[in-house]
Amino acid sequence: MKAVALIANLDKPNAGSVARRICAWLKARNIAVWAQEELLCGDARFRFGEPLPAVDLVLVLGGDGTFLNVARRYTGAGIPFLGVNLGRLGFLTEVEVGELDSALEKVYAGQYTIERRAMLCVQVCRRGKVVEETCALNEATIAKGPLARIIRLDVCVDNVPIGSYNGDGLIVSTPTGSTGYSLSAGGPIVASNVDLLLITPICPHTLSARPIAVARNAVIDVTLMSVQPEIVLTVDGQHSFSLEYGDRLTITDAKVETLLLRLQGKNFFEILRKKLKEQNR
């Protein structure tokens, strides 16, 4: 490993100190460090949002929201990411600050694997024209606004109608996103290496509506059949787009993947057990 990039959530009070600690550790081993310019450390600096420099790894300092933002911004970069958790929970940011030195030692020694995580491509078609296109690592959510009215969403999978959902909305998630909003809405936890997509209704107004798992290469079409205002598409809890009656959302596998560096000695179920235990404290 010759070069590493550092990107951080600057709202975290310890982001700067952790970044400087990582810089010192890497530089002591002759590894070049490209740091987000606001961190004021490293051998060279770059602006977040600009193309990534030529590095072997991106260290993301923050919580899962930070990780999702970085992954979406640099979709298709072909560079693995490793998250350092400065947040509360962190399913994606597996390294805790207290284990930072041992984690860096494992990275330096090559004691890791690279996981390839599926992403979603989301298109919104309005009156025959694509008006929005974006990608997601966790999920795409169609949800109503603050008014207490249910909305109707007609759903097809591979051009076959599977039903109309009446309720607060619908979540289409990857296995990575199964531990996010989908889990809160009653969806199952899916191991990260399973190739599928989840369709999870939000507060459905019927006892028969249940989460559905479909193949990763399936084409999911969701048509909005409600006229009320403030119905919104939200991607990874960060990017939003206002929807109108008749809008058709097409959600497919993005054909690009996010690369996650996973340290040896840890696996999906170990991280899951630990994070859920922390959450229930």
Protein backbone atom coordinates (compact mmCIF):
# COMPACT_ATOMS: atom_id res chain seq x y z
CA MET A 1 0.00 0.00 0.00
CA LYS A 2 1.57 3.24 -1.18
CA ALA A 3 -1.07 5.96 -0.71
CA VAL A 4 -4.23 6.52 1.36
CA ALA A 5 -6.92 9.22 1.22
CA LEU A 6 -8.68 10.58 4.31
CA ILE A 7 -12.25 11.91 4.19
CA ALA A 8 -14.09 12.95 7.36
CA ASN A 9 -17.35 14.26 8.70
CA LEU A 10 -16.13 17.67 9.80
CA ASP A 11 -19.05 18.04 12.22
CA LYS A 12 -17.58 15.33 14.44
CA PRO A 13 -15.55 17.05 17.19
CA ASN A 14 -12.78 14.44 17.14
CA ALA A 15 -12.45 14.20 13.35
CA GLY A 16 -9.34 16.39 13.21
CA SER A 17 -7.49 14.65 16.03
CA VAL A 18 -8.25 11.17 14.67
CA ALA A 19 -7.15 12.25 11.18
CA ARG A 20 -3.85 13.59 12.51
CA ARG A 21 -3.28 10.38 14.45
CA ILE A 22 -3.84 8.32 11.29
CA CYS A 23 -1.58 10.61 9.25
CA ALA A 24 1.26 10.22 11.73
CA TRP A 25 0.87 6.43 11.77
CA LEU A 26 0.87 6.16 7.98
CA LYS A 27 3.72 8.60 7.40
CA ALA A 28 5.88 6.70 9.89
CA ARG A 29 5.56 3.77 7.50
CA ASN A 30 6.27 5.82 4.37
CA ILE A 31 2.68 5.69 3.14
CA ALA A 32 1.62 8.88 1.36
CA VAL A 33 -1.49 10.57 2.75
CA TRP A 34 -3.97 12.62 0.74
CA ALA A 35 -6.27 14.43 3.19
CA GLN A 36 -9.49 16.35 2.71
CA GLU A 37 -8.29 19.92 2.72
CA GLU A 38 -10.18 20.96 5.88
CA LEU A 39 -8.32 18.35 7.94
CA LEU A 40 -5.04 20.29 7.55
CA CYS A 41 -2.82 17.23 7.62
CA GLY A 42 -1.20 14.80 5.22
CA ASP A 43 1.33 15.09 2.41
CA ALA A 44 -1.21 16.54 -0.04
CA ARG A 45 -4.81 17.75 0.08
CA PHE A 46 -7.90 17.54 -2.08
CA ARG A 47 -11.45 18.84 -2.00
CA PHE A 48 -14.27 16.46 -1.23
CA GLY A 49 -16.34 16.03 -4.39
CA GLU A 50 -13.38 16.36 -6.72
CA PRO A 51 -12.05 13.16 -8.34
CA LEU A 52 -10.14 10.97 -5.93
CA PRO A 53 -6.34 11.06 -6.19
CA ALA A 54 -4.43 7.92 -7.12
CA VAL A 55 -4.63 6.04 -3.82
CA ASP A 56 -4.96 2.42 -2.73
CA LEU A 57 -7.51 2.99 0.05
CA VAL A 58 -9.96 5.62 1.29
CA LEU A 59 -10.38 5.94 5.05
CA VAL A 60 -13.77 7.44 5.91
CA LEU A 61 -14.01 9.05 9.36
CA GLY A 62 -17.57 9.46 10.62
CA GLY A 63 -20.75 7.43 10.91
CA ASP A 64 -22.74 5.40 8.42
CA GLY A 65 -24.23 8.58 6.93
CA THR A 66 -20.75 9.86 6.11
CA PHE A 67 -19.81 6.51 4.61
CA LEU A 68 -22.94 6.43 2.43
CA ASN A 69 -22.28 9.97 1.22
CA VAL A 70 -18.70 9.13 0.25
CA ALA A 71 -19.69 5.86 -1.43
CA ARG A 72 -22.39 7.55 -3.51
CA ARG A 73 -20.12 10.44 -4.44
CA TYR A 74 -17.35 8.14 -5.66
CA THR A 75 -19.43 5.38 -7.23
CA GLY A 76 -17.35 3.36 -9.65
CA ALA A 77 -13.98 4.70 -8.46
CA GLY A 78 -12.70 1.15 -8.01
CA ILE A 79 -10.96 2.06 -4.74
CA PRO A 80 -11.84 0.24 -1.49
CA PHE A 81 -13.23 2.12 1.51
CA LEU A 82 -12.67 1.48 5.21
CA GLY A 83 -14.85 3.25 7.75
CA VAL A 84 -13.67 4.54 11.14
CA ASN A 85 -16.68 5.02 13.38
CA LEU A 86 -17.01 8.45 14.95
CA GLY A 87 -20.78 8.08 15.21
CA ARG A 88 -23.17 6.20 17.49
CA LEU A 89 -23.82 2.89 15.77
CA GLY A 90 -22.04 2.28 12.48
CA PHE A 91 -22.79 -0.92 10.58
CA LEU A 92 -20.61 0.22 7.67
CA THR A 93 -17.88 1.91 9.72
CA GLU A 94 -16.52 -1.22 11.36
CA VAL A 95 -13.35 0.21 13.00
CA GLU A 96 -13.81 1.86 16.39
CA VAL A 97 -11.42 4.60 17.49
CA GLY A 98 -10.24 2.46 20.39
CA GLU A 99 -9.02 -0.27 18.01
CA LEU A 100 -7.57 2.07 15.40
CA ASP A 101 -3.90 1.11 15.80
CA SER A 102 -4.57 -2.63 15.59
CA ALA A 103 -6.83 -2.08 12.58
CA LEU A 104 -4.15 -0.08 10.78
CA GLU A 105 -1.60 -2.80 11.56
CA LYS A 106 -3.87 -5.36 9.88
CA VAL A 107 -4.28 -3.14 6.83
CA TYR A 108 -0.51 -2.59 6.63
CA ALA A 109 0.10 -6.36 6.91
CA GLY A 110 -2.47 -7.12 4.20
CA GLN A 111 -4.75 -8.96 6.62
CA TYR A 112 -7.99 -8.04 4.95
CA THR A 113 -10.42 -8.97 2.22
CA ILE A 114 -12.33 -6.78 -0.24
CA GLU A 115 -16.11 -7.09 -0.33
CA ARG A 116 -18.07 -5.97 -3.37
CA ARG A 117 -21.39 -4.38 -2.37
CA ALA A 118 -24.28 -3.96 -4.80
CA MET A 119 -25.72 -0.52 -5.51
CA LEU A 120 -29.07 0.59 -6.89
CA CYS A 121 -29.75 2.73 -9.93
CA VAL A 122 -32.92 4.79 -9.49
CA GLN A 123 -34.68 6.57 -12.36
CA VAL A 124 -37.78 8.74 -12.14
CA CYS A 125 -39.82 8.97 -15.34
CA ARG A 126 -42.45 11.72 -15.64
CA ARG A 127 -44.73 11.94 -18.67
CA GLY A 128 -42.32 9.79 -20.66
CA LYS A 129 -39.16 11.70 -19.73
CA VAL A 130 -36.45 10.78 -17.23
CA VAL A 131 -36.36 13.68 -14.74
CA GLU A 132 -34.06 12.20 -12.10
CA GLU A 133 -31.39 9.51 -11.98
CA THR A 134 -29.23 8.63 -9.01
CA CYS A 135 -27.61 5.70 -7.22
CA ALA A 136 -27.82 4.23 -3.73
CA LEU A 137 -25.76 1.90 -1.57
CA ASN A 138 -28.43 1.36 1.10
CA GLU A 139 -31.91 2.07 -0.19
CA ALA A 140 -34.38 4.11 -2.21
CA THR A 141 -37.44 5.19 -0.22
CA ILE A 142 -40.75 6.56 -1.49
CA ALA A 143 -42.61 8.14 1.41
CA LYS A 144 -45.44 10.52 2.18
CA GLY A 145 -45.07 13.96 3.71
CA PRO A 146 -46.14 15.11 7.19
CA LEU A 147 -49.90 14.85 6.54
CA ALA A 148 -51.49 11.72 8.01
CA ARG A 149 -52.76 10.30 4.72
CA ILE A 150 -51.85 6.99 3.19
CA ILE A 151 -50.43 6.84 -0.31
CA ARG A 152 -50.84 4.19 -3.01
CA LEU A 153 -47.92 2.69 -4.89
CA ASP A 154 -48.35 0.15 -7.70
CA VAL A 155 -45.37 -2.20 -7.95
CA CYS A 156 -44.19 -4.44 -10.79
CA VAL A 157 -41.20 -6.78 -10.87
CA ASP A 158 -39.90 -7.65 -14.33
CA ASN A 159 -43.10 -6.18 -15.80
CA VAL A 160 -45.30 -8.46 -13.66
CA PRO A 161 -47.62 -6.63 -11.20
CA ILE A 162 -47.08 -7.81 -7.63
CA GLY A 163 -49.65 -5.54 -6.01
CA SER A 164 -50.71 -2.11 -4.83
CA TYR A 165 -49.29 -0.90 -1.53
CA ASN A 166 -51.35 1.48 0.58
CA GLY A 167 -49.52 2.97 3.53
CA ASP A 168 -46.76 5.41 4.38
CA GLY A 169 -44.50 4.33 1.53
CA LEU A 170 -42.06 1.72 0.27
CA ILE A 171 -38.36 0.91 0.62
CA VAL A 172 -36.24 -0.88 -1.99
CA SER A 173 -32.93 -1.85 -0.43
CA THR A 174 -29.74 -3.76 -1.09
CA PRO A 175 -28.44 -6.35 1.40
CA THR A 176 -26.22 -3.56 2.76
CA GLY A 177 -29.34 -1.47 3.38
CA SER A 178 -31.20 -4.33 5.05
CA THR A 179 -29.79 -3.19 8.42
CA GLY A 180 -30.95 0.39 7.83
CA TYR A 181 -34.41 1.85 7.27
CA SER A 182 -35.73 -1.46 5.94
CA LEU A 183 -34.92 -3.15 9.26
CA SER A 184 -36.78 -0.41 11.15
CA ALA A 185 -39.81 -0.97 8.89
CA GLY A 186 -39.89 -4.70 9.67
CA GLY A 187 -37.73 -6.04 6.86
CA PRO A 188 -35.35 -8.99 7.31
CA ILE A 189 -31.61 -8.78 7.92
CA VAL A 190 -29.76 -10.07 4.86
CA ALA A 191 -26.12 -11.15 4.81
CA SER A 192 -24.01 -8.85 2.68
CA ASN A 193 -22.94 -11.60 0.26
CA VAL A 194 -26.48 -12.54 -0.81
CA ASP A 195 -27.47 -11.31 -4.29
CA LEU A 196 -30.98 -9.94 -3.88
CA LEU A 197 -33.03 -6.77 -3.49
CA LEU A 198 -35.64 -6.18 -0.79
CA ILE A 199 -39.03 -4.51 -1.21
CA THR A 200 -40.30 -3.43 2.22
CA PRO A 201 -43.61 -1.59 2.77
CA ILE A 202 -43.69 1.21 5.36
CA CYS A 203 -46.68 0.94 7.73
CA PRO A 204 -48.89 -0.85 5.18
CA HIS A 205 -52.63 -0.41 5.64
CA THR A 206 -53.24 -4.16 5.31
CA LEU A 207 -52.16 -7.30 7.12
CA SER A 208 -51.22 -9.06 3.87
CA ALA A 209 -48.40 -6.72 2.80
CA ARG A 210 -45.04 -8.25 3.67
CA PRO A 211 -41.43 -7.64 2.60
CA ILE A 212 -40.47 -9.38 -0.64
CA ALA A 213 -37.03 -10.49 -1.77
CA VAL A 214 -36.30 -10.47 -5.51
CA ALA A 215 -33.26 -11.28 -7.62
CA ARG A 216 -30.50 -8.68 -7.77
CA ASN A 217 -30.95 -8.35 -11.55
CA ALA A 218 -34.72 -7.78 -11.28
CA VAL A 219 -36.31 -4.61 -12.66
CA ILE A 220 -38.59 -2.99 -10.06
CA ASP A 221 -41.11 -0.41 -11.25
CA VAL A 222 -43.04 1.68 -8.72
CA THR A 223 -45.82 4.01 -9.92
CA LEU A 224 -47.19 6.72 -7.67
CA MET A 225 -50.99 6.64 -7.72
CA SER A 226 -51.67 9.41 -5.17
CA VAL A 227 -52.15 13.11 -5.89
CA GLN A 228 -51.35 14.55 -2.49
CA PRO A 229 -48.34 16.87 -2.19
CA GLU A 230 -45.01 16.29 -0.47
CA ILE A 231 -44.39 12.71 -1.55
CA VAL A 232 -40.65 12.28 -1.81
CA LEU A 233 -38.03 9.90 -3.10
CA THR A 234 -35.13 9.73 -0.65
CA VAL A 235 -31.87 7.95 -1.46
CA ASP A 236 -29.65 6.68 1.36
CA GLY A 237 -31.38 9.12 3.71
CA GLN A 238 -29.52 12.02 2.08
CA HIS A 239 -30.60 12.90 -1.45
CA SER A 240 -34.28 13.71 -2.07
CA PHE A 241 -36.53 14.39 -5.06
CA SER A 242 -40.19 15.48 -5.02
CA LEU A 243 -42.61 13.13 -6.76
CA GLU A 244 -45.88 13.76 -8.59
CA TYR A 245 -48.93 11.67 -9.42
CA GLY A 246 -48.13 9.21 -12.21
CA ASP A 247 -44.35 9.25 -11.72
CA ARG A 248 -42.79 5.87 -12.44
CA LEU A 249 -39.65 4.88 -10.59
CA THR A 250 -37.46 2.18 -12.12
CA ILE A 251 -35.02 0.62 -9.68
CA THR A 252 -32.34 -1.77 -10.91
CA ASP A 253 -28.88 -3.04 -10.05
CA ALA A 254 -26.46 -0.20 -10.73
CA LYS A 255 -23.86 -2.46 -12.43
CA VAL A 256 -21.19 -0.72 -10.37
CA GLU A 257 -20.20 -1.74 -6.87
CA THR A 258 -18.81 -0.19 -3.73
CA LEU A 259 -15.64 -1.91 -2.51
CA LEU A 260 -15.39 -2.36 1.26
CA LEU A 261 -12.17 -3.35 2.97
CA ARG A 262 -12.97 -5.93 5.66
CA LEU A 263 -10.37 -6.82 8.29
CA GLN A 264 -9.53 -10.45 8.95
CA GLY A 265 -10.97 -11.73 12.19
CA LYS A 266 -14.28 -9.94 11.64
CA ASN A 267 -17.34 -11.04 9.75
CA PHE A 268 -20.83 -9.77 9.03
CA PHE A 269 -22.54 -11.60 11.89
CA GLU A 270 -19.93 -10.59 14.47
CA ILE A 271 -20.35 -6.93 13.51
CA LEU A 272 -24.14 -7.32 13.46
CA ARG A 273 -24.26 -8.90 16.92
CA LYS A 274 -22.01 -6.21 18.37
CA LYS A 275 -23.86 -3.28 16.81
CA LEU A 276 -27.32 -4.54 17.76
CA LYS A 277 -26.13 -5.13 21.32
CA GLU A 278 -24.81 -1.56 21.49
CA GLN A 279 -28.08 -0.26 20.09
CA ASN A 280 -30.10 -1.96 22.82
CA ARG A 281 -28.09 -0.49 25.70
